[in-house]
Structures are given as C-alpha cells and as structure tokens.
C-alpha cells in the first residue's frame, strides 16, 4: 500500500513542477505586460498601480463576476 502512496506523491510532485515550469515559461515569454486571458496589452498605468496584475481591467472584471 505504501508503494501506491509513494507513487501518488511522486506524480503530484512531477505535476506541480511541470505546472510551475509552464507558468514561468509563459511569464518569460509574455511577462506581465499582456493579459493572461485575452492576450491584449495591459496599460502601463494599471501595471504601475498594481504591479502584480496579470489581467487587463475588462478581463479582471469578468473574473470577479
């Protein structure tokens, strides 16, 4: 039974590492300058006001609704 849990833990770790790698690769290719949902440029004023934003105003509003 412990083999089952060990394998599940290994798969979870592998999945997490792959997800993080994809996320960081996406950030490197597009940065925070473009919306993660629609791909449009995030206005400089929004990025200055909220440096960690990853969506344009319109997509953020839709995500919050």
N, C-alpha and C. Protein backbone atom coordinates (compact mmCIF):
# COMPACT_ATOMS: atom_id res chain seq x y z
N UNK A 1 0.82 -1.19 0.00
CA UNK A 1 0.00 0.00 0.00
C UNK A 1 0.87 1.26 0.00
N UNK A 2 2.02 1.19 0.67
CA UNK A 2 2.88 2.37 0.71
C UNK A 2 3.44 2.70 -0.66
N UNK A 3 3.61 1.69 -1.53
CA UNK A 3 4.07 1.95 -2.89
C UNK A 3 3.08 2.82 -3.64
N UNK A 4 1.81 2.57 -3.41
CA UNK A 4 0.75 3.36 -4.05
C UNK A 4 0.87 4.82 -3.64
N UNK A 5 1.03 5.07 -2.34
CA UNK A 5 1.13 6.44 -1.84
C UNK A 5 2.43 7.11 -2.28
N UNK A 6 3.50 6.33 -2.33
CA UNK A 6 4.77 6.88 -2.80
C UNK A 6 4.66 7.32 -4.26
N UNK A 7 4.03 6.49 -5.07
CA UNK A 7 3.87 6.82 -6.50
C UNK A 7 2.95 8.02 -6.66
N UNK A 8 1.88 8.09 -5.87
CA UNK A 8 0.97 9.23 -5.93
C UNK A 8 1.70 10.52 -5.55
N UNK A 9 2.54 10.44 -4.56
CA UNK A 9 3.32 11.61 -4.14
C UNK A 9 4.30 12.03 -5.23
N UNK A 10 4.93 11.07 -5.87
CA UNK A 10 5.86 11.37 -6.97
C UNK A 10 5.14 12.04 -8.12
N UNK A 11 3.96 11.52 -8.47
CA UNK A 11 3.18 12.10 -9.57
C UNK A 11 2.73 13.52 -9.23
N UNK A 12 2.32 13.73 -7.99
CA UNK A 12 1.91 15.07 -7.57
C UNK A 12 3.07 16.05 -7.67
N UNK A 13 4.24 15.65 -7.23
CA UNK A 13 5.42 16.50 -7.30
C UNK A 13 5.77 16.80 -8.75
N UNK A 14 5.73 15.78 -9.60
CA UNK A 14 6.04 15.96 -11.01
C UNK A 14 5.03 16.91 -11.67
N UNK A 15 3.76 16.73 -11.38
CA UNK A 15 2.71 17.59 -11.94
C UNK A 15 2.92 19.04 -11.50
N UNK A 16 3.22 19.25 -10.22
CA UNK A 16 3.43 20.60 -9.70
C UNK A 16 4.63 21.25 -10.37
N UNK A 17 5.72 20.52 -10.52
CA UNK A 17 6.92 21.06 -11.16
C UNK A 17 6.64 21.43 -12.62
N UNK A 18 5.88 20.60 -13.33
CA UNK A 18 5.55 20.89 -14.72
C UNK A 18 4.66 22.14 -14.81
N UNK A 19 3.70 22.25 -13.91
CA UNK A 19 2.81 23.41 -13.91
C UNK A 19 3.59 24.69 -13.63
N UNK A 20 4.50 24.63 -12.68
CA UNK A 20 5.32 25.81 -12.37
C UNK A 20 6.22 26.17 -13.54
N UNK A 21 6.79 25.18 -14.19
CA UNK A 21 7.66 25.43 -15.34
C UNK A 21 6.87 26.10 -16.46
N UNK A 22 5.65 25.61 -16.73
CA UNK A 22 4.81 26.23 -17.77
C UNK A 22 4.47 27.67 -17.39
N UNK A 23 4.16 27.88 -16.13
CA UNK A 23 3.81 29.23 -15.67
C UNK A 23 4.98 30.19 -15.85
N UNK A 24 6.17 29.80 -15.42
CA UNK A 24 7.32 30.68 -15.54
C UNK A 24 7.74 30.87 -16.99
N UNK A 25 7.55 29.85 -17.81
CA UNK A 25 7.86 29.99 -19.23
C UNK A 25 6.91 31.01 -19.86
N UNK A 26 5.65 30.95 -19.48
CA UNK A 26 4.68 31.91 -20.01
C UNK A 26 5.03 33.33 -19.56
N UNK A 27 5.45 33.49 -18.32
CA UNK A 27 5.83 34.81 -17.83
C UNK A 27 7.05 35.34 -18.58
N UNK A 28 7.99 34.47 -18.87
CA UNK A 28 9.18 34.91 -19.58
C UNK A 28 8.86 35.32 -21.01
N UNK A 29 7.92 34.63 -21.61
CA UNK A 29 7.61 34.94 -23.00
C UNK A 29 6.70 36.16 -23.14
N UNK A 30 5.80 36.35 -22.19
CA UNK A 30 4.89 37.49 -22.32
C UNK A 30 5.02 38.48 -21.20
N UNK A 31 5.57 38.06 -20.06
CA UNK A 31 5.70 38.95 -18.92
C UNK A 31 4.34 39.36 -18.41
N UNK A 32 4.33 40.38 -17.62
CA UNK A 32 3.09 40.89 -17.09
C UNK A 32 2.57 42.02 -17.97
N UNK A 33 3.14 42.21 -19.12
CA UNK A 33 2.71 43.31 -19.98
C UNK A 33 1.46 42.97 -20.78
N UNK A 34 1.09 41.67 -20.82
CA UNK A 34 -0.09 41.25 -21.56
C UNK A 34 -1.02 40.44 -20.67
N UNK A 35 -2.29 40.59 -20.90
CA UNK A 35 -3.33 39.90 -20.14
C UNK A 35 -3.23 38.40 -20.34
N UNK A 36 -3.31 37.67 -19.24
CA UNK A 36 -3.21 36.21 -19.33
C UNK A 36 -4.46 35.59 -19.95
N UNK A 37 -5.58 36.31 -19.98
CA UNK A 37 -6.81 35.76 -20.54
C UNK A 37 -6.97 36.09 -22.02
N UNK A 38 -6.89 37.37 -22.36
CA UNK A 38 -7.17 37.78 -23.74
C UNK A 38 -5.90 38.06 -24.55
N UNK A 39 -4.77 38.26 -23.88
CA UNK A 39 -3.51 38.50 -24.58
C UNK A 39 -3.27 39.94 -24.97
N UNK A 40 -4.24 40.81 -24.69
CA UNK A 40 -4.07 42.23 -25.01
C UNK A 40 -3.09 42.87 -24.03
N UNK A 41 -2.47 43.97 -24.46
CA UNK A 41 -1.52 44.67 -23.61
C UNK A 41 -2.23 45.26 -22.39
N UNK A 42 -1.59 45.13 -21.22
CA UNK A 42 -2.11 45.74 -20.01
C UNK A 42 -1.56 47.17 -19.98
N UNK A 43 -2.44 48.18 -19.85
CA UNK A 43 -1.97 49.57 -19.86
C UNK A 43 -0.91 49.82 -18.78
N UNK A 44 0.05 50.65 -19.12
CA UNK A 44 1.16 50.96 -18.21
C UNK A 44 0.65 51.53 -16.89
N UNK A 45 -0.39 52.34 -16.93
CA UNK A 45 -0.93 52.93 -15.70
C UNK A 45 -1.45 51.84 -14.76
N UNK A 46 -2.10 50.82 -15.33
CA UNK A 46 -2.60 49.71 -14.50
C UNK A 46 -1.44 48.93 -13.91
N UNK A 47 -0.42 48.66 -14.73
CA UNK A 47 0.75 47.92 -14.22
C UNK A 47 1.48 48.70 -13.15
N UNK A 48 1.50 50.02 -13.28
CA UNK A 48 2.14 50.85 -12.26
C UNK A 48 1.34 50.85 -10.96
N UNK A 49 0.01 50.89 -11.09
CA UNK A 49 -0.84 50.92 -9.91
C UNK A 49 -0.89 49.56 -9.21
N UNK A 50 -0.90 48.49 -10.02
CA UNK A 50 -0.99 47.14 -9.48
C UNK A 50 0.08 46.29 -10.17
N UNK A 51 1.32 46.32 -9.68
CA UNK A 51 2.43 45.64 -10.36
C UNK A 51 2.22 44.14 -10.55
N UNK A 52 1.46 43.51 -9.70
CA UNK A 52 1.28 42.06 -9.80
C UNK A 52 0.08 41.66 -10.65
N UNK A 53 -0.57 42.64 -11.29
CA UNK A 53 -1.76 42.30 -12.09
C UNK A 53 -1.35 41.43 -13.28
N UNK A 54 -2.24 40.50 -13.62
CA UNK A 54 -1.99 39.60 -14.74
C UNK A 54 -3.10 39.68 -15.77
N UNK A 55 -4.11 40.52 -15.51
CA UNK A 55 -5.23 40.67 -16.43
C UNK A 55 -5.48 42.14 -16.70
N UNK A 56 -6.04 42.42 -17.89
CA UNK A 56 -6.49 43.77 -18.19
C UNK A 56 -7.74 44.05 -17.34
N UNK A 57 -8.17 45.30 -17.31
CA UNK A 57 -9.30 45.68 -16.46
C UNK A 57 -10.55 44.89 -16.84
N UNK A 58 -10.83 44.79 -18.12
CA UNK A 58 -12.05 44.11 -18.57
C UNK A 58 -12.05 42.63 -18.17
N UNK A 59 -10.95 41.95 -18.38
CA UNK A 59 -10.88 40.53 -18.03
C UNK A 59 -10.93 40.34 -16.50
N UNK A 60 -10.33 41.26 -15.76
CA UNK A 60 -10.36 41.17 -14.30
C UNK A 60 -11.79 41.34 -13.80
N UNK A 61 -12.52 42.27 -14.40
CA UNK A 61 -13.93 42.47 -14.02
C UNK A 61 -14.73 41.20 -14.30
N UNK A 62 -14.50 40.58 -15.44
CA UNK A 62 -15.21 39.34 -15.77
C UNK A 62 -14.85 38.22 -14.79
N UNK A 63 -13.59 38.16 -14.39
CA UNK A 63 -13.14 37.12 -13.45
C UNK A 63 -13.77 37.31 -12.08
N UNK A 64 -14.02 38.55 -11.71
CA UNK A 64 -14.60 38.82 -10.41
C UNK A 64 -16.10 38.62 -10.36
N UNK A 65 -16.75 38.64 -11.52
CA UNK A 65 -18.21 38.46 -11.54
C UNK A 65 -18.61 37.03 -11.34
